[in-house]
C-alpha cells in the first residue's frame, strides 16, 4: 500500500497540475479520466512503482545492515 501511494500521489498531483497549466482541465470528466489513465497507468506500472519498490528495499537493507 505504501509503495502504491508513494507512486500514485505525486504522479497524480503532477498530472492534475499539468492539466491545469495546459488548459486541459476544461475537458469533460470522462475524457480527462481517459487521458489521465492512458498516460499514468503505464508510467506507474513500468517506471514509478518499480522505482519506489527498489528504493524502499534499498532503504530496508541499509536499515537492517546498520542494526548489525
PDB file of N, CA and C in Angstrom:
ATOM      1  N   UNK A   1       0.825  -1.184   0.000  1.00  0.00           N
ATOM      2  CA  UNK A   1       0.000   0.000   0.000  1.00  0.00           C
ATOM      3  C   UNK A   1       0.878   1.260   0.000  1.00  0.00           C
ATOM      4  N   UNK A   2       1.897   1.268   0.819  1.00  0.00           N
ATOM      5  CA  UNK A   2       2.785   2.430   0.890  1.00  0.00           C
ATOM      6  C   UNK A   2       3.479   2.678  -0.449  1.00  0.00           C
ATOM      7  N   UNK A   3       3.922   1.618  -1.081  1.00  0.00           N
ATOM      8  CA  UNK A   3       4.579   1.744  -2.382  1.00  0.00           C
ATOM      9  C   UNK A   3       3.650   2.375  -3.409  1.00  0.00           C
ATOM     10  N   UNK A   4       2.420   1.876  -3.449  1.00  0.00           N
ATOM     11  CA  UNK A   4       1.453   2.413  -4.404  1.00  0.00           C
ATOM     12  C   UNK A   4       1.156   3.880  -4.117  1.00  0.00           C
ATOM     13  N   UNK A   5       0.945   4.207  -2.857  1.00  0.00           N
ATOM     14  CA  UNK A   5       0.621   5.595  -2.509  1.00  0.00           C
ATOM     15  C   UNK A   5       1.798   6.518  -2.819  1.00  0.00           C
ATOM     16  N   UNK A   6       3.002   6.089  -2.491  1.00  0.00           N
ATOM     17  CA  UNK A   6       4.186   6.916  -2.770  1.00  0.00           C
ATOM     18  C   UNK A   6       4.405   7.105  -4.271  1.00  0.00           C
ATOM     19  N   UNK A   7       3.873   6.211  -5.065  1.00  0.00           N
ATOM     20  CA  UNK A   7       3.984   6.327  -6.522  1.00  0.00           C
ATOM     21  C   UNK A   7       2.841   7.146  -7.109  1.00  0.00           C
ATOM     22  N   UNK A   8       1.637   6.837  -6.686  1.00  0.00           N
ATOM     23  CA  UNK A   8       0.452   7.438  -7.297  1.00  0.00           C
ATOM     24  C   UNK A   8       0.248   8.895  -6.898  1.00  0.00           C
ATOM     25  N   UNK A   9       0.382   9.220  -5.634  1.00  0.00           N
ATOM     26  CA  UNK A   9       0.070  10.575  -5.177  1.00  0.00           C
ATOM     27  C   UNK A   9       0.894  11.647  -5.908  1.00  0.00           C
ATOM     28  N   UNK A  10       2.216  11.541  -5.951  1.00  0.00           N
ATOM     29  CA  UNK A  10       2.977  12.585  -6.666  1.00  0.00           C
ATOM     30  C   UNK A  10       2.682  12.619  -8.166  1.00  0.00           C
ATOM     31  N   UNK A  11       2.523  11.440  -8.767  1.00  0.00           N
ATOM     32  CA  UNK A  11       2.254  11.398 -10.206  1.00  0.00           C
ATOM     33  C   UNK A  11       0.906  12.022 -10.527  1.00  0.00           C
ATOM     34  N   UNK A  12      -0.088  11.700  -9.749  1.00  0.00           N
ATOM     35  CA  UNK A  12      -1.420  12.245  -9.978  1.00  0.00           C
ATOM     36  C   UNK A  12      -1.457  13.744  -9.708  1.00  0.00           C
ATOM     37  N   UNK A  13      -0.782  14.175  -8.662  1.00  0.00           N
ATOM     38  CA  UNK A  13      -0.722  15.599  -8.353  1.00  0.00           C
ATOM     39  C   UNK A  13      -0.052  16.368  -9.487  1.00  0.00           C
ATOM     40  N   UNK A  14       1.065  15.854  -9.985  1.00  0.00           N
ATOM     41  CA  UNK A  14       1.753  16.496 -11.102  1.00  0.00           C
ATOM     42  C   UNK A  14       0.887  16.505 -12.358  1.00  0.00           C
ATOM     43  N   UNK A  15       0.230  15.391 -12.646  1.00  0.00           N
ATOM     44  CA  UNK A  15      -0.621  15.311 -13.838  1.00  0.00           C
ATOM     45  C   UNK A  15      -1.772  16.312 -13.752  1.00  0.00           C
ATOM     46  N   UNK A  16      -2.402  16.407 -12.612  1.00  0.00           N
ATOM     47  CA  UNK A  16      -3.506  17.356 -12.456  1.00  0.00           C
ATOM     48  C   UNK A  16      -3.013  18.795 -12.578  1.00  0.00           C
ATOM     49  N   UNK A  17      -1.846  19.075 -12.044  1.00  0.00           N
ATOM     50  CA  UNK A  17      -1.271  20.423 -12.162  1.00  0.00           C
ATOM     51  C   UNK A  17      -0.972  20.737 -13.635  1.00  0.00           C
ATOM     52  N   UNK A  18      -0.396  19.754 -14.337  1.00  0.00           N
ATOM     53  CA  UNK A  18      -0.108  19.954 -15.762  1.00  0.00           C
ATOM     54  C   UNK A  18      -1.388  20.159 -16.568  1.00  0.00           C
ATOM     55  N   UNK A  19      -2.432  19.408 -16.237  1.00  0.00           N
ATOM     56  CA  UNK A  19      -3.717  19.605 -16.911  1.00  0.00           C
ATOM     57  C   UNK A  19      -4.177  21.047 -16.743  1.00  0.00           C
ATOM     58  N   UNK A  20      -4.036  21.565 -15.542  1.00  0.00           N
ATOM     59  CA  UNK A  20      -4.442  22.947 -15.260  1.00  0.00           C
ATOM     60  C   UNK A  20      -3.601  23.922 -16.079  1.00  0.00           C
ATOM     61  N   UNK A  21      -2.293  23.710 -16.106  1.00  0.00           N
ATOM     62  CA  UNK A  21      -1.387  24.605 -16.816  1.00  0.00           C
ATOM     63  C   UNK A  21      -1.619  24.581 -18.321  1.00  0.00           C
ATOM     64  N   UNK A  22      -1.963  23.424 -18.848  1.00  0.00           N
ATOM     65  CA  UNK A  22      -2.144  23.271 -20.291  1.00  0.00           C
ATOM     66  C   UNK A  22      -3.580  23.539 -20.742  1.00  0.00           C
ATOM     67  N   UNK A  23      -4.440  23.883 -19.802  1.00  0.00           N
ATOM     68  CA  UNK A  23      -5.823  24.167 -20.142  1.00  0.00           C
ATOM     69  C   UNK A  23      -6.665  22.935 -20.407  1.00  0.00           C
ATOM     70  N   UNK A  24      -6.149  21.755 -20.057  1.00  0.00           N
ATOM     71  CA  UNK A  24      -6.883  20.519 -20.296  1.00  0.00           C
ATOM     72  C   UNK A  24      -7.957  20.262 -19.243  1.00  0.00           C
ATOM     73  N   UNK A  25      -7.973  21.061 -18.200  1.00  0.00           N
ATOM     74  CA  UNK A  25      -8.997  20.869 -17.162  1.00  0.00           C
ATOM     75  C   UNK A  25     -10.381  21.233 -17.679  1.00  0.00           C
ATOM     76  N   UNK A  26     -10.434  21.847 -18.852  1.00  0.00           N
ATOM     77  CA  UNK A  26     -11.719  22.203 -19.459  1.00  0.00           C
ATOM     78  C   UNK A  26     -12.371  21.009 -20.153  1.00  0.00           C
ATOM     79  N   UNK A  27     -11.628  19.933 -20.339  1.00  0.00           N
ATOM     80  CA  UNK A  27     -12.182  18.739 -20.978  1.00  0.00           C
ATOM     81  C   UNK A  27     -13.272  18.127 -20.096  1.00  0.00           C
ATOM     82  N   UNK A  28     -14.175  17.422 -20.707  1.00  0.00           N
ATOM     83  CA  UNK A  28     -15.207  16.716 -19.958  1.00  0.00           C
ATOM     84  C   UNK A  28     -14.552  15.666 -19.050  1.00  0.00           C
ATOM     85  N   UNK A  29     -15.171  15.415 -17.929  1.00  0.00           N
ATOM     86  CA  UNK A  29     -14.600  14.495 -16.935  1.00  0.00           C
ATOM     87  C   UNK A  29     -14.247  13.121 -17.519  1.00  0.00           C
ATOM     88  N   UNK A  30     -15.114  12.481 -18.298  1.00  0.00           N
ATOM     89  CA  UNK A  30     -14.720  11.178 -18.850  1.00  0.00           C
ATOM     90  C   UNK A  30     -13.486  11.256 -19.755  1.00  0.00           C
ATOM     91  N   UNK A  31     -13.352  12.326 -20.508  1.00  0.00           N
ATOM     92  CA  UNK A  31     -12.188  12.489 -21.376  1.00  0.00           C
ATOM     93  C   UNK A  31     -10.930  12.757 -20.561  1.00  0.00           C
ATOM     94  N   UNK A  32     -11.040  13.594 -19.538  1.00  0.00           N
ATOM     95  CA  UNK A  32      -9.888  13.832 -18.647  1.00  0.00           C
ATOM     96  C   UNK A  32      -9.440  12.529 -17.997  1.00  0.00           C
ATOM     97  N   UNK A  33     -10.416  11.737 -17.528  1.00  0.00           N
ATOM     98  CA  UNK A  33     -10.099  10.470 -16.883  1.00  0.00           C
ATOM     99  C   UNK A  33      -9.412   9.528 -17.860  1.00  0.00           C
ATOM    100  N   UNK A  34      -9.905   9.488 -19.087  1.00  0.00           N
ATOM    101  CA  UNK A  34      -9.286   8.647 -20.113  1.00  0.00           C
ATOM    102  C   UNK A  34      -7.839   9.062 -20.356  1.00  0.00           C
ATOM    103  N   UNK A  35      -7.613  10.350 -20.538  1.00  0.00           N
ATOM    104  CA  UNK A  35      -6.253  10.840 -20.798  1.00  0.00           C
ATOM    105  C   UNK A  35      -5.336  10.537 -19.606  1.00  0.00           C
ATOM    106  N   UNK A  36      -5.824  10.800 -18.402  1.00  0.00           N
ATOM    107  CA  UNK A  36      -5.008  10.534 -17.213  1.00  0.00           C
ATOM    108  C   UNK A  36      -4.637   9.061 -17.105  1.00  0.00           C
ATOM    109  N   UNK A  37      -5.596   8.175 -17.331  1.00  0.00           N
ATOM    110  CA  UNK A  37      -5.291   6.748 -17.188  1.00  0.00           C
ATOM    111  C   UNK A  37      -4.390   6.249 -18.307  1.00  0.00           C
ATOM    112  N   UNK A  38      -4.583   6.745 -19.523  1.00  0.00           N
ATOM    113  CA  UNK A  38      -3.723   6.322 -20.640  1.00  0.00           C
ATOM    114  C   UNK A  38      -2.275   6.741 -20.384  1.00  0.00           C
ATOM    115  N   UNK A  39      -2.094   7.887 -19.771  1.00  0.00           N
ATOM    116  CA  UNK A  39      -0.737   8.384 -19.501  1.00  0.00           C
ATOM    117  C   UNK A  39      -0.163   7.782 -18.220  1.00  0.00           C
ATOM    118  N   UNK A  40      -0.940   7.812 -17.146  1.00  0.00           N
ATOM    119  CA  UNK A  40      -0.394   7.441 -15.841  1.00  0.00           C
ATOM    120  C   UNK A  40      -0.246   5.942 -15.601  1.00  0.00           C
ATOM    121  N   UNK A  41      -1.154   5.132 -16.086  1.00  0.00           N
ATOM    122  CA  UNK A  41      -1.062   3.697 -15.784  1.00  0.00           C
ATOM    123  C   UNK A  41       0.251   3.094 -16.303  1.00  0.00           C
ATOM    124  N   UNK A  42       0.639   3.324 -17.551  1.00  0.00           N
ATOM    125  CA  UNK A  42       1.939   2.762 -17.983  1.00  0.00           C
ATOM    126  C   UNK A  42       3.124   3.338 -17.198  1.00  0.00           C
ATOM    127  N   UNK A  43       3.088   4.617 -16.897  1.00  0.00           N
ATOM    128  CA  UNK A  43       4.174   5.224 -16.115  1.00  0.00           C
ATOM    129  C   UNK A  43       4.247   4.585 -14.732  1.00  0.00           C
ATOM    130  N   UNK A  44       3.080   4.356 -14.123  1.00  0.00           N
ATOM    131  CA  UNK A  44       3.046   3.744 -12.800  1.00  0.00           C
ATOM    132  C   UNK A  44       3.577   2.310 -12.843  1.00  0.00           C
ATOM    133  N   UNK A  45       3.076   1.526 -13.807  1.00  0.00           N
ATOM    134  CA  UNK A  45       3.406   0.096 -13.864  1.00  0.00           C
ATOM    135  C   UNK A  45       4.866  -0.149 -14.233  1.00  0.00           C
ATOM    136  N   UNK A  46       5.374   0.612 -15.189  1.00  0.00           N
ATOM    137  CA  UNK A  46       6.706   0.317 -15.704  1.00  0.00           C
ATOM    138  C   UNK A  46       7.824   1.187 -15.139  1.00  0.00           C
ATOM    139  N   UNK A  47       7.478   2.311 -14.504  1.00  0.00           N
ATOM    140  CA  UNK A  47       8.525   3.217 -14.028  1.00  0.00           C
ATOM    141  C   UNK A  47       8.426   3.463 -12.521  1.00  0.00           C
ATOM    142  N   UNK A  48       7.352   4.098 -12.093  1.00  0.00           N
ATOM    143  CA  UNK A  48       7.304   4.583 -10.714  1.00  0.00           C
ATOM    144  C   UNK A  48       7.189   3.492  -9.656  1.00  0.00           C
ATOM    145  N   UNK A  49       6.280   2.547  -9.820  1.00  0.00           N
ATOM    146  CA  UNK A  49       6.147   1.502  -8.801  1.00  0.00           C
ATOM    147  C   UNK A  49       7.432   0.674  -8.692  1.00  0.00           C
ATOM    148  N   UNK A  50       8.044   0.237  -9.791  1.00  0.00           N
ATOM    149  CA  UNK A  50       9.324  -0.473  -9.635  1.00  0.00           C
ATOM    150  C   UNK A  50      10.418   0.393  -8.987  1.00  0.00           C
ATOM    151  N   UNK A  51      10.459   1.666  -9.331  1.00  0.00           N
ATOM    152  CA  UNK A  51      11.481   2.547  -8.745  1.00  0.00           C
ATOM    153  C   UNK A  51      11.260   2.733  -7.250  1.00  0.00           C
ATOM    154  N   UNK A  52      10.025   2.956  -6.846  1.00  0.00           N
ATOM    155  CA  UNK A  52       9.732   3.139  -5.421  1.00  0.00           C
ATOM    156  C   UNK A  52       9.972   1.835  -4.667  1.00  0.00           C
ATOM    157  N   UNK A  53       9.574   0.717  -5.246  1.00  0.00           N
ATOM    158  CA  UNK A  53       9.805  -0.583  -4.606  1.00  0.00           C
ATOM    159  C   UNK A  53      11.299  -0.815  -4.395  1.00  0.00           C
ATOM    160  N   UNK A  54      12.079  -0.525  -5.404  1.00  0.00           N
ATOM    161  CA  UNK A  54      13.527  -0.688  -5.297  1.00  0.00           C
ATOM    162  C   UNK A  54      14.116   0.235  -4.227  1.00  0.00           C
ATOM    163  N   UNK A  55      13.661   1.460  -4.206  1.00  0.00           N
ATOM    164  CA  UNK A  55      14.164   2.413  -3.204  1.00  0.00           C
ATOM    165  C   UNK A  55      13.805   1.974  -1.789  1.00  0.00           C
ATOM    166  N   UNK A  56      12.586   1.480  -1.605  1.00  0.00           N
ATOM    167  CA  UNK A  56      12.185   1.013  -0.273  1.00  0.00           C
ATOM    168  C   UNK A  56      12.983  -0.220   0.147  1.00  0.00           C
ATOM    169  N   UNK A  57      13.266  -1.116  -0.804  1.00  0.00           N
ATOM    170  CA  UNK A  57      14.082  -2.299  -0.488  1.00  0.00           C
ATOM    171  C   UNK A  57      15.499  -1.895  -0.100  1.00  0.00           C
ATOM    172  N   UNK A  58      16.071  -0.915  -0.856  1.00  0.00           N
ATOM    173  CA  UNK A  58      17.412  -0.429  -0.506  1.00  0.00           C
ATOM    174  C   UNK A  58      17.413   0.191   0.882  1.00  0.00           C
ATOM    175  N   UNK A  59      16.394   0.974   1.173  1.00  0.00           N
ATOM    176  CA  UNK A  59      16.308   1.612   2.493  1.00  0.00           C
ATOM    177  C   UNK A  59      16.185   0.574   3.599  1.00  0.00           C
ATOM    178  N   UNK A  60      15.435  -0.486   3.347  1.00  0.00           N
ATOM    179  CA  UNK A  60      15.280  -1.546   4.341  1.00  0.00           C
ATOM    180  C   UNK A  60      16.595  -2.281   4.546  1.00  0.00           C
ATOM    181  N   UNK A  61      17.344  -2.541   3.453  1.00  0.00           N
ATOM    182  CA  UNK A  61      18.646  -3.207   3.572  1.00  0.00           C
ATOM    183  C   UNK A  61      19.621  -2.333   4.359  1.00  0.00           C
ATOM    184  N   UNK A  62      19.627  -1.040   4.077  1.00  0.00           N
ATOM    185  CA  UNK A  62      20.527  -0.126   4.786  1.00  0.00           C
ATOM    186  C   UNK A  62      20.175  -0.111   6.277  1.00  0.00           C
ATOM    187  N   UNK A  63      18.892  -0.066   6.562  1.00  0.00           N
ATOM    188  CA  UNK A  63      18.438  -0.027   7.948  1.00  0.00           C
ATOM    189  C   UNK A  63      18.812  -1.320   8.660  1.00  0.00           C
ATOM    190  N   UNK A  64      18.630  -2.481   8.010  1.00  0.00           N
ATOM    191  CA  UNK A  64      18.952  -3.749   8.649  1.00  0.00           C
ATOM    192  C   UNK A  64      20.455  -3.938   8.805  1.00  0.00           C
ATOM    193  N   UNK A  65      21.250  -3.460   7.852  1.00  0.00           N
ATOM    194  CA  UNK A  65      22.705  -3.584   7.981  1.00  0.00           C
ATOM    195  C   UNK A  65      23.250  -2.624   9.039  1.00  0.00           C
ATOM    196  N   UNK A  66      22.572  -1.525   9.270  1.00  0.00           N
ATOM    197  CA  UNK A  66      23.009  -0.590  10.321  1.00  0.00           C
ATOM    198  C   UNK A  66      22.770  -1.185  11.698  1.00  0.00           C
ATOM    199  N   UNK A  67      21.751  -2.035  11.822  1.00  0.00           N
ATOM    200  CA  UNK A  67      21.472  -2.701  13.107  1.00  0.00           C
ATOM    201  C   UNK A  67      22.486  -3.788  13.408  1.00  0.00           C
ATOM    202  N   UNK A  68      23.095  -4.367  12.373  1.00  0.00           N
ATOM    203  CA  UNK A  68      24.025  -5.493  12.566  1.00  0.00           C
ATOM    204  C   UNK A  68      25.349  -5.057  13.075  1.00  0.00           C
TER     205      UNK A  68
END
